[in-house]
Amino acid sequence: GHVTGNVSFAAVAVSFAHTIKALEPFFSAAATQFILGQQVPLSLWMSLAPVVIGVSMASLTELSFNWTGFINAMISNISFTYRSIYSKKAMTDMDSTNVYAYISIIALIVCIPPAIIFEGPQLMSHGFSDAIAKVGLTKFVSD
């Protein structure tokens, strides 16, 4: 969710990405009803209608619109919705701090391979040598 949110911020105006991300409560209500099977009151659906209509109107008139930014913002919404839904299911035996710790550990495990693949070569060729040149090998290793 965080990665696709950042991709969206890079592809379209930040304001537009945040506008699309305003749909997260709608996705959360839909997931609560259709995945968890909990009935969402009609009054909640009606209160979400202006949000959906407003985001739709803003998307139609957005000058910086492109599909990469839009789709990544929507994937971010869905990712964070599933995170909250599965957190609710998992919190039967855990408090919110433990759930947050598990989510952070899983995110770290998921993000390390792409970081090594995409950033590793630049780090090896420039990052270490530049850091050592600036502070010296002893300080670099000790820090």
C-alpha atoms as a PDB file:
ATOM      1  CA  GLY A   1       0.000   0.000   0.000  1.00  0.00           C
ATOM      2  CA  HIS A   2       2.762   2.420   0.904  1.00  0.00           C
ATOM      3  CA  VAL A   3       4.801   1.611  -2.202  1.00  0.00           C
ATOM      4  CA  THR A   4       1.856   2.000  -4.583  1.00  0.00           C
ATOM      5  CA  GLY A   5       0.867   5.223  -2.803  1.00  0.00           C
ATOM      6  CA  ASN A   6       4.331   6.617  -3.462  1.00  0.00           C
ATOM      7  CA  VAL A   7       4.206   5.496  -7.095  1.00  0.00           C
ATOM      8  CA  SER A   8       0.903   7.343  -7.398  1.00  0.00           C
ATOM      9  CA  PHE A   9       2.413  10.489  -5.844  1.00  0.00           C
ATOM     10  CA  ALA A  10       5.210  10.324  -8.419  1.00  0.00           C
ATOM     11  CA  ALA A  11       2.855   9.821 -11.368  1.00  0.00           C
ATOM     12  CA  VAL A  12       0.176  12.441 -10.676  1.00  0.00           C
ATOM     13  CA  ALA A  13      -0.236  15.585  -8.609  1.00  0.00           C
ATOM     14  CA  VAL A  14      -0.079  14.857  -4.886  1.00  0.00           C
ATOM     15  CA  SER A  15      -3.461  16.514  -4.402  1.00  0.00           C
ATOM     16  CA  PHE A  16      -5.036  14.145  -6.933  1.00  0.00           C
ATOM     17  CA  ALA A  17      -3.458  11.077  -5.322  1.00  0.00           C
ATOM     18  CA  HIS A  18      -4.842  12.182  -1.949  1.00  0.00           C
ATOM     19  CA  THR A  19      -8.239  12.777  -3.542  1.00  0.00           C
ATOM     20  CA  ILE A  20      -8.295   9.196  -4.823  1.00  0.00           C
ATOM     21  CA  LYS A  21      -7.106   7.926  -1.447  1.00  0.00           C
ATOM     22  CA  ALA A  22     -10.163   9.609   0.106  1.00  0.00           C
ATOM     23  CA  LEU A  23     -12.107   6.588  -1.169  1.00  0.00           C
ATOM     24  CA  GLU A  24     -10.522   4.342   1.466  1.00  0.00           C
ATOM     25  CA  PRO A  25     -13.579   4.525   3.802  1.00  0.00           C
ATOM     26  CA  PHE A  26     -15.752   3.311   0.920  1.00  0.00           C
ATOM     27  CA  PHE A  27     -13.451   0.347   0.309  1.00  0.00           C
ATOM     28  CA  SER A  28     -13.345  -0.353   4.040  1.00  0.00           C
ATOM     29  CA  ALA A  29     -17.141  -0.430   4.270  1.00  0.00           C
ATOM     30  CA  ALA A  30     -17.380  -2.672   1.213  1.00  0.00           C
ATOM     31  CA  ALA A  31     -14.772  -5.078   2.571  1.00  0.00           C
ATOM     32  CA  THR A  32     -16.449  -5.133   5.971  1.00  0.00           C
ATOM     33  CA  GLN A  33     -19.732  -6.137   4.378  1.00  0.00           C
ATOM     34  CA  PHE A  34     -18.499  -8.526   1.702  1.00  0.00           C
ATOM     35  CA  ILE A  35     -15.414 -10.078   3.316  1.00  0.00           C
ATOM     36  CA  LEU A  36     -16.213 -10.045   7.031  1.00  0.00           C
ATOM     37  CA  GLY A  37     -19.929 -10.526   6.414  1.00  0.00           C
ATOM     38  CA  GLN A  38     -20.913  -7.742   8.808  1.00  0.00           C
ATOM     39  CA  GLN A  39     -23.928  -5.718   7.747  1.00  0.00           C
ATOM     40  CA  VAL A  40     -23.089  -2.082   7.019  1.00  0.00           C
ATOM     41  CA  PRO A  41     -26.051   0.226   7.713  1.00  0.00           C
ATOM     42  CA  LEU A  42     -27.707   2.028   4.819  1.00  0.00           C
ATOM     43  CA  SER A  43     -27.030   5.351   6.546  1.00  0.00           C
ATOM     44  CA  LEU A  44     -23.270   4.683   6.294  1.00  0.00           C
ATOM     45  CA  TRP A  45     -23.549   3.857   2.594  1.00  0.00           C
ATOM     46  CA  MET A  46     -25.550   7.042   2.052  1.00  0.00           C
ATOM     47  CA  SER A  47     -22.937   9.107   3.897  1.00  0.00           C
ATOM     48  CA  LEU A  48     -20.238   7.678   1.614  1.00  0.00           C
ATOM     49  CA  ALA A  49     -22.151   8.568  -1.573  1.00  0.00           C
ATOM     50  CA  PRO A  50     -21.037  12.247  -1.587  1.00  0.00           C
ATOM     51  CA  VAL A  51     -17.424  11.144  -1.169  1.00  0.00           C
ATOM     52  CA  VAL A  52     -17.624   8.748  -4.111  1.00  0.00           C
ATOM     53  CA  ILE A  53     -19.406  11.336  -6.276  1.00  0.00           C
ATOM     54  CA  GLY A  54     -16.910  14.049  -5.305  1.00  0.00           C
ATOM     55  CA  VAL A  55     -13.892  11.870  -6.069  1.00  0.00           C
ATOM     56  CA  SER A  56     -15.440  10.875  -9.401  1.00  0.00           C
ATOM     57  CA  MET A  57     -16.020  14.508 -10.350  1.00  0.00           C
ATOM     58  CA  ALA A  58     -12.500  15.496  -9.281  1.00  0.00           C
ATOM     59  CA  SER A  59     -11.027  12.631 -11.306  1.00  0.00           C
ATOM     60  CA  LEU A  60     -12.907  13.635 -14.438  1.00  0.00           C
ATOM     61  CA  THR A  61     -11.576  17.192 -14.308  1.00  0.00           C
ATOM     62  CA  GLU A  62      -8.022  16.467 -13.118  1.00  0.00           C
ATOM     63  CA  LEU A  63      -5.413  17.916 -15.470  1.00  0.00           C
ATOM     64  CA  SER A  64      -2.591  15.642 -14.303  1.00  0.00           C
ATOM     65  CA  PHE A  65      -4.690  12.446 -14.622  1.00  0.00           C
ATOM     66  CA  ASN A  66      -2.948   9.348 -15.873  1.00  0.00           C
ATOM     67  CA  TRP A  67      -3.784   5.701 -15.412  1.00  0.00           C
ATOM     68  CA  THR A  68      -0.554   4.807 -13.615  1.00  0.00           C
ATOM     69  CA  GLY A  69      -1.225   7.271 -10.827  1.00  0.00           C
ATOM     70  CA  PHE A  70      -4.929   6.432 -10.610  1.00  0.00           C
ATOM     71  CA  ILE A  71      -4.464   2.655 -10.548  1.00  0.00           C
ATOM     72  CA  ASN A  72      -1.656   2.823  -8.001  1.00  0.00           C
ATOM     73  CA  ALA A  73      -3.731   5.054  -5.712  1.00  0.00           C
ATOM     74  CA  MET A  74      -6.599   2.571  -5.966  1.00  0.00           C
ATOM     75  CA  ILE A  75      -4.265  -0.365  -5.230  1.00  0.00           C
ATOM     76  CA  SER A  76      -3.007   1.565  -2.210  1.00  0.00           C
ATOM     77  CA  ASN A  77      -6.594   2.022  -1.007  1.00  0.00           C
ATOM     78  CA  ILE A  78      -7.364  -1.663  -1.416  1.00  0.00           C
ATOM     79  CA  SER A  79      -4.103  -2.694   0.276  1.00  0.00           C
ATOM     80  CA  PHE A  80      -4.736  -0.537   3.325  1.00  0.00           C
ATOM     81  CA  THR A  81      -8.346  -1.745   3.442  1.00  0.00           C
ATOM     82  CA  TYR A  82      -7.257  -5.377   3.475  1.00  0.00           C
ATOM     83  CA  ARG A  83      -4.677  -4.545   6.112  1.00  0.00           C
ATOM     84  CA  SER A  84      -7.353  -3.113   8.377  1.00  0.00           C
ATOM     85  CA  ILE A  85      -9.785  -5.974   7.688  1.00  0.00           C
ATOM     86  CA  TYR A  86      -7.247  -8.691   8.400  1.00  0.00           C
ATOM     87  CA  SER A  87      -5.969  -6.756  11.401  1.00  0.00           C
ATOM     88  CA  LYS A  88      -9.484  -6.831  12.848  1.00  0.00           C
ATOM     89  CA  LYS A  89      -9.592 -10.584  12.297  1.00  0.00           C
ATOM     90  CA  ALA A  90      -6.105 -11.080  13.779  1.00  0.00           C
ATOM     91  CA  MET A  91      -6.693  -8.884  16.827  1.00  0.00           C
ATOM     92  CA  THR A  92      -8.711 -11.565  18.578  1.00  0.00           C
ATOM     93  CA  ASP A  93      -5.635 -12.678  20.533  1.00  0.00           C
ATOM     94  CA  MET A  94      -3.441  -9.578  20.163  1.00  0.00           C
ATOM     95  CA  ASP A  95      -3.560  -5.939  21.065  1.00  0.00           C
ATOM     96  CA  SER A  96      -3.107  -3.202  18.466  1.00  0.00           C
ATOM     97  CA  THR A  97       0.614  -2.816  19.238  1.00  0.00           C
ATOM     98  CA  ASN A  98       1.311  -6.470  18.449  1.00  0.00           C
ATOM     99  CA  VAL A  99      -0.700  -6.280  15.220  1.00  0.00           C
ATOM    100  CA  TYR A 100       1.267  -3.181  14.194  1.00  0.00           C
ATOM    101  CA  ALA A 101       4.543  -4.998  14.982  1.00  0.00           C
ATOM    102  CA  TYR A 102       3.575  -7.985  12.842  1.00  0.00           C
ATOM    103  CA  ILE A 103       2.476  -5.757   9.960  1.00  0.00           C
ATOM    104  CA  SER A 104       5.764  -3.831  10.160  1.00  0.00           C
ATOM    105  CA  ILE A 105       7.822  -7.046  10.145  1.00  0.00           C
ATOM    106  CA  ILE A 106       5.895  -8.414   7.154  1.00  0.00           C
ATOM    107  CA  ALA A 107       6.321  -5.090   5.308  1.00  0.00           C
ATOM    108  CA  LEU A 108      10.060  -5.180   5.974  1.00  0.00           C
ATOM    109  CA  ILE A 109      10.342  -8.724   4.614  1.00  0.00           C
ATOM    110  CA  VAL A 110       8.328  -7.778   1.506  1.00  0.00           C
ATOM    111  CA  CYS A 111      10.293  -4.565   0.833  1.00  0.00           C
ATOM    112  CA  ILE A 112      13.866  -5.833   1.349  1.00  0.00           C
ATOM    113  CA  PRO A 113      14.169  -7.872  -1.898  1.00  0.00           C
ATOM    114  CA  PRO A 114      13.040  -5.030  -4.226  1.00  0.00           C
ATOM    115  CA  ALA A 115      15.245  -2.574  -2.331  1.00  0.00           C
ATOM    116  CA  ILE A 116      18.284  -4.815  -2.810  1.00  0.00           C
ATOM    117  CA  ILE A 117      17.442  -5.448  -6.473  1.00  0.00           C
ATOM    118  CA  PHE A 118      16.772  -1.824  -7.417  1.00  0.00           C
ATOM    119  CA  GLU A 119      18.982   0.127  -4.995  1.00  0.00           C
ATOM    120  CA  GLY A 120      21.729  -2.400  -4.252  1.00  0.00           C
ATOM    121  CA  PRO A 121      23.914  -1.783  -7.330  1.00  0.00           C
ATOM    122  CA  GLN A 122      23.923   2.004  -6.795  1.00  0.00           C
ATOM    123  CA  LEU A 123      24.663   1.533  -3.098  1.00  0.00           C
ATOM    124  CA  MET A 124      27.591  -0.741  -3.857  1.00  0.00           C
ATOM    125  CA  SER A 125      29.055   1.428  -6.608  1.00  0.00           C
ATOM    126  CA  HIS A 126      28.508   4.892  -5.131  1.00  0.00           C
ATOM    127  CA  GLY A 127      26.992   4.867  -1.662  1.00  0.00           C
ATOM    128  CA  PHE A 128      29.671   3.063   0.308  1.00  0.00           C
ATOM    129  CA  SER A 129      32.600   4.665  -1.477  1.00  0.00           C
ATOM    130  CA  ASP A 130      31.138   8.174  -1.101  1.00  0.00           C
ATOM    131  CA  ALA A 131      30.417   7.622   2.592  1.00  0.00           C
ATOM    132  CA  ILE A 132      33.897   6.258   3.273  1.00  0.00           C
ATOM    133  CA  ALA A 133      35.478   9.151   1.363  1.00  0.00           C
ATOM    134  CA  LYS A 134      33.525  11.639   3.460  1.00  0.00           C
ATOM    135  CA  VAL A 135      34.002  10.250   6.992  1.00  0.00           C
ATOM    136  CA  GLY A 136      36.783   7.699   6.655  1.00  0.00           C
ATOM    137  CA  LEU A 137      36.707   3.912   6.876  1.00  0.00           C
ATOM    138  CA  THR A 138      37.098   3.710  10.672  1.00  0.00           C
ATOM    139  CA  LYS A 139      34.171   6.051  11.430  1.00  0.00           C
ATOM    140  CA  PHE A 140      32.020   4.445   8.725  1.00  0.00           C
ATOM    141  CA  VAL A 141      32.539   0.951  10.163  1.00  0.00           C
ATOM    142  CA  SER A 142      32.177   2.024  13.799  1.00  0.00           C
ATOM    143  CA  ASP A 143      28.967   3.971  13.107  1.00  0.00           C
END
